[in-house]
Amino acid sequence: MAQQHYEGKKHWRNAARRQLLEQLADNLDSNQNTGLRSSYSCSVCDVILNSIEQYYAHLKGSRHQNNLKQHQRCVEPASL
């Protein structure tokens, strides 16, 4: 039964997610990785998240991606 679990889609998806989060945590600047923070904020979407996992999930999410595209469109004409 355990072997079936390890070969299942859910296990592979969770393992890939964990690996991605570990890679993202390794890529943080040293000043951001100097301890646990109680919250993480996204200035583009004006949200506060409670954990690093939520923060990275938010960054990959469709709401953030849409807000980021809209924010970039508003900023580009002003810089020309």
N, C-alpha and C. Protein backbone atom coordinates (compact mmCIF):
# COMPACT_ATOMS: atom_id res chain seq x y z
N MET A 1 0.82 -1.19 0.00
CA MET A 1 0.00 0.00 0.00
C MET A 1 0.88 1.27 0.00
N ALA A 2 1.96 1.24 0.74
CA ALA A 2 2.86 2.39 0.77
C ALA A 2 3.47 2.62 -0.60
N GLN A 3 3.79 1.55 -1.29
CA GLN A 3 4.38 1.67 -2.63
C GLN A 3 3.41 2.37 -3.58
N GLN A 4 2.13 2.04 -3.49
CA GLN A 4 1.13 2.69 -4.31
C GLN A 4 1.07 4.18 -4.00
N HIS A 5 1.18 4.51 -2.73
CA HIS A 5 1.17 5.92 -2.33
C HIS A 5 2.35 6.67 -2.94
N TYR A 6 3.54 6.09 -2.85
CA TYR A 6 4.74 6.75 -3.36
C TYR A 6 4.71 6.93 -4.88
N GLU A 7 3.99 6.07 -5.57
CA GLU A 7 3.89 6.16 -7.02
C GLU A 7 2.71 7.03 -7.47
N GLY A 8 1.88 7.47 -6.54
CA GLY A 8 0.67 8.22 -6.88
C GLY A 8 0.94 9.67 -7.25
N LYS A 9 -0.02 10.26 -7.96
CA LYS A 9 0.08 11.64 -8.40
C LYS A 9 0.17 12.62 -7.23
N LYS A 10 -0.60 12.38 -6.20
CA LYS A 10 -0.63 13.30 -5.07
C LYS A 10 0.74 13.36 -4.39
N HIS A 11 1.37 12.20 -4.20
CA HIS A 11 2.69 12.17 -3.57
C HIS A 11 3.71 12.90 -4.44
N TRP A 12 3.70 12.66 -5.74
CA TRP A 12 4.65 13.30 -6.64
C TRP A 12 4.44 14.81 -6.66
N ARG A 13 3.20 15.25 -6.66
CA ARG A 13 2.89 16.67 -6.67
C ARG A 13 3.39 17.34 -5.39
N ASN A 14 3.14 16.70 -4.25
CA ASN A 14 3.59 17.27 -2.98
C ASN A 14 5.12 17.26 -2.87
N ALA A 15 5.75 16.23 -3.38
CA ALA A 15 7.22 16.16 -3.34
C ALA A 15 7.81 17.25 -4.23
N ALA A 16 7.22 17.47 -5.39
CA ALA A 16 7.71 18.51 -6.29
C ALA A 16 7.50 19.88 -5.66
N ARG A 17 6.38 20.08 -5.00
CA ARG A 17 6.10 21.36 -4.33
C ARG A 17 7.12 21.61 -3.22
N ARG A 18 7.41 20.60 -2.45
CA ARG A 18 8.38 20.76 -1.37
C ARG A 18 9.76 21.09 -1.92
N GLN A 19 10.14 20.42 -2.99
CA GLN A 19 11.44 20.69 -3.60
C GLN A 19 11.50 22.13 -4.12
N LEU A 20 10.43 22.60 -4.73
CA LEU A 20 10.38 23.97 -5.24
C LEU A 20 10.51 24.98 -4.09
N LEU A 21 9.79 24.74 -3.00
CA LEU A 21 9.86 25.65 -1.86
C LEU A 21 11.26 25.68 -1.26
N GLU A 22 11.92 24.53 -1.22
CA GLU A 22 13.29 24.49 -0.70
C GLU A 22 14.23 25.27 -1.62
N GLN A 23 14.05 25.14 -2.93
CA GLN A 23 14.89 25.88 -3.87
C GLN A 23 14.65 27.39 -3.75
N LEU A 24 13.39 27.78 -3.61
CA LEU A 24 13.07 29.20 -3.46
C LEU A 24 13.65 29.76 -2.17
N ALA A 25 13.57 28.99 -1.10
CA ALA A 25 14.13 29.45 0.17
C ALA A 25 15.64 29.61 0.07
N ASP A 26 16.30 28.72 -0.67
CA ASP A 26 17.74 28.83 -0.86
C ASP A 26 18.12 30.07 -1.66
N ASN A 27 17.21 30.53 -2.53
CA ASN A 27 17.50 31.67 -3.39
C ASN A 27 17.21 33.02 -2.73
N LEU A 28 16.66 33.01 -1.53
CA LEU A 28 16.39 34.28 -0.85
C LEU A 28 17.69 34.99 -0.56
N ASP A 29 17.66 36.30 -0.57
CA ASP A 29 18.83 37.08 -0.16
C ASP A 29 19.17 36.76 1.28
N SER A 30 20.42 36.86 1.61
CA SER A 30 20.84 36.52 2.96
C SER A 30 20.19 37.40 4.01
N ASN A 31 19.89 38.65 3.67
CA ASN A 31 19.25 39.52 4.66
C ASN A 31 17.79 39.13 4.89
N GLN A 32 17.17 38.46 3.95
CA GLN A 32 15.79 38.01 4.15
C GLN A 32 15.74 36.66 4.83
N ASN A 33 16.83 35.94 4.84
CA ASN A 33 16.86 34.58 5.35
C ASN A 33 17.54 34.51 6.72
N THR A 34 17.56 35.59 7.46
CA THR A 34 18.27 35.61 8.73
C THR A 34 17.39 35.25 9.91
N GLY A 35 16.23 34.77 9.69
CA GLY A 35 15.36 34.36 10.78
C GLY A 35 13.93 34.26 10.31
N LEU A 36 13.12 33.71 11.18
CA LEU A 36 11.70 33.57 10.85
C LEU A 36 11.00 34.90 11.00
N ARG A 37 10.14 35.18 10.08
CA ARG A 37 9.33 36.39 10.14
C ARG A 37 7.90 35.99 10.42
N SER A 38 7.16 36.87 11.03
CA SER A 38 5.78 36.55 11.36
C SER A 38 4.84 36.81 10.20
N SER A 39 5.30 37.62 9.22
CA SER A 39 4.45 37.88 8.06
C SER A 39 5.30 38.26 6.86
N TYR A 40 4.73 38.07 5.70
CA TYR A 40 5.35 38.40 4.42
C TYR A 40 4.33 39.19 3.63
N SER A 41 4.77 40.26 2.98
CA SER A 41 3.80 41.10 2.29
C SER A 41 4.14 41.20 0.80
N CYS A 42 3.08 41.37 0.02
CA CYS A 42 3.20 41.59 -1.42
C CYS A 42 2.68 42.99 -1.69
N SER A 43 3.57 43.89 -2.07
CA SER A 43 3.17 45.28 -2.30
C SER A 43 2.35 45.43 -3.58
N VAL A 44 2.52 44.53 -4.54
CA VAL A 44 1.77 44.60 -5.79
C VAL A 44 0.29 44.33 -5.53
N CYS A 45 0.01 43.32 -4.72
CA CYS A 45 -1.38 42.93 -4.45
C CYS A 45 -1.92 43.50 -3.15
N ASP A 46 -1.05 44.12 -2.35
CA ASP A 46 -1.42 44.68 -1.06
C ASP A 46 -2.03 43.62 -0.15
N VAL A 47 -1.30 42.50 0.02
CA VAL A 47 -1.73 41.42 0.91
C VAL A 47 -0.60 41.08 1.86
N ILE A 48 -0.98 40.53 3.00
CA ILE A 48 -0.02 40.06 3.99
C ILE A 48 -0.26 38.57 4.17
N LEU A 49 0.83 37.80 4.12
CA LEU A 49 0.74 36.35 4.22
C LEU A 49 1.47 35.89 5.47
N ASN A 50 1.04 34.76 6.02
CA ASN A 50 1.54 34.32 7.31
C ASN A 50 2.76 33.41 7.27
N SER A 51 3.10 32.87 6.11
CA SER A 51 4.24 31.97 6.05
C SER A 51 4.94 32.10 4.71
N ILE A 52 6.16 31.62 4.67
CA ILE A 52 6.94 31.67 3.44
C ILE A 52 6.29 30.80 2.37
N GLU A 53 5.67 29.70 2.78
CA GLU A 53 4.99 28.83 1.82
C GLU A 53 3.82 29.56 1.17
N GLN A 54 3.04 30.27 1.99
CA GLN A 54 1.92 31.03 1.44
C GLN A 54 2.43 32.14 0.52
N TYR A 55 3.53 32.76 0.89
CA TYR A 55 4.09 33.84 0.08
C TYR A 55 4.49 33.33 -1.30
N TYR A 56 5.20 32.22 -1.36
CA TYR A 56 5.62 31.69 -2.65
C TYR A 56 4.44 31.14 -3.46
N ALA A 57 3.46 30.56 -2.77
CA ALA A 57 2.26 30.11 -3.48
C ALA A 57 1.53 31.32 -4.07
N HIS A 58 1.49 32.42 -3.32
CA HIS A 58 0.87 33.65 -3.81
C HIS A 58 1.60 34.17 -5.04
N LEU A 59 2.93 34.18 -5.00
CA LEU A 59 3.71 34.69 -6.13
C LEU A 59 3.46 33.89 -7.41
N LYS A 60 3.20 32.60 -7.27
CA LYS A 60 2.93 31.75 -8.42
C LYS A 60 1.47 31.80 -8.86
N GLY A 61 0.61 32.36 -8.02
CA GLY A 61 -0.83 32.34 -8.27
C GLY A 61 -1.29 33.28 -9.36
N SER A 62 -2.47 33.01 -9.89
CA SER A 62 -3.01 33.80 -11.00
C SER A 62 -3.36 35.23 -10.58
N ARG A 63 -3.84 35.42 -9.37
CA ARG A 63 -4.18 36.78 -8.92
C ARG A 63 -2.94 37.67 -8.93
N HIS A 64 -1.84 37.17 -8.37
CA HIS A 64 -0.61 37.95 -8.34
C HIS A 64 -0.09 38.19 -9.74
N GLN A 65 -0.12 37.17 -10.59
CA GLN A 65 0.39 37.31 -11.95
C GLN A 65 -0.42 38.36 -12.72
N ASN A 66 -1.73 38.36 -12.56
CA ASN A 66 -2.58 39.36 -13.22
C ASN A 66 -2.29 40.76 -12.70
N ASN A 67 -2.16 40.88 -11.38
CA ASN A 67 -1.86 42.19 -10.79
C ASN A 67 -0.48 42.68 -11.22
N LEU A 68 0.47 41.78 -11.33
CA LEU A 68 1.81 42.15 -11.74
C LEU A 68 1.82 42.66 -13.18
N LYS A 69 1.10 41.97 -14.07
CA LYS A 69 1.01 42.42 -15.46
C LYS A 69 0.36 43.80 -15.55
N GLN A 70 -0.70 43.99 -14.79
CA GLN A 70 -1.40 45.28 -14.80
C GLN A 70 -0.48 46.37 -14.23
N HIS A 71 0.23 46.06 -13.19
CA HIS A 71 1.16 47.02 -12.59
C HIS A 71 2.27 47.40 -13.57
N GLN A 72 2.78 46.42 -14.29
CA GLN A 72 3.86 46.68 -15.27
C GLN A 72 3.35 47.54 -16.41
N ARG A 73 2.11 47.33 -16.85
CA ARG A 73 1.54 48.15 -17.92
C ARG A 73 1.39 49.59 -17.48
N CYS A 74 1.02 49.80 -16.23
CA CYS A 74 0.86 51.17 -15.72
C CYS A 74 2.19 51.87 -15.57
N VAL A 75 3.24 51.15 -15.25
CA VAL A 75 4.54 51.75 -15.01
C VAL A 75 5.28 52.02 -16.31
N GLU A 76 5.15 51.16 -17.32
CA GLU A 76 5.92 51.30 -18.56
C GLU A 76 5.67 52.63 -19.29
N PRO A 77 4.44 53.07 -19.52
CA PRO A 77 4.25 54.33 -20.25
C PRO A 77 4.85 55.52 -19.52
N ALA A 78 4.85 55.52 -18.22
CA ALA A 78 5.40 56.66 -17.47
C ALA A 78 6.91 56.75 -17.63
N SER A 79 7.57 55.63 -17.86
CA SER A 79 9.02 55.65 -17.97
C SER A 79 9.50 56.03 -19.36
N LEU A 80 8.61 56.05 -20.35
CA LEU A 80 9.02 56.40 -21.72
C LEU A 80 9.09 57.87 -21.94
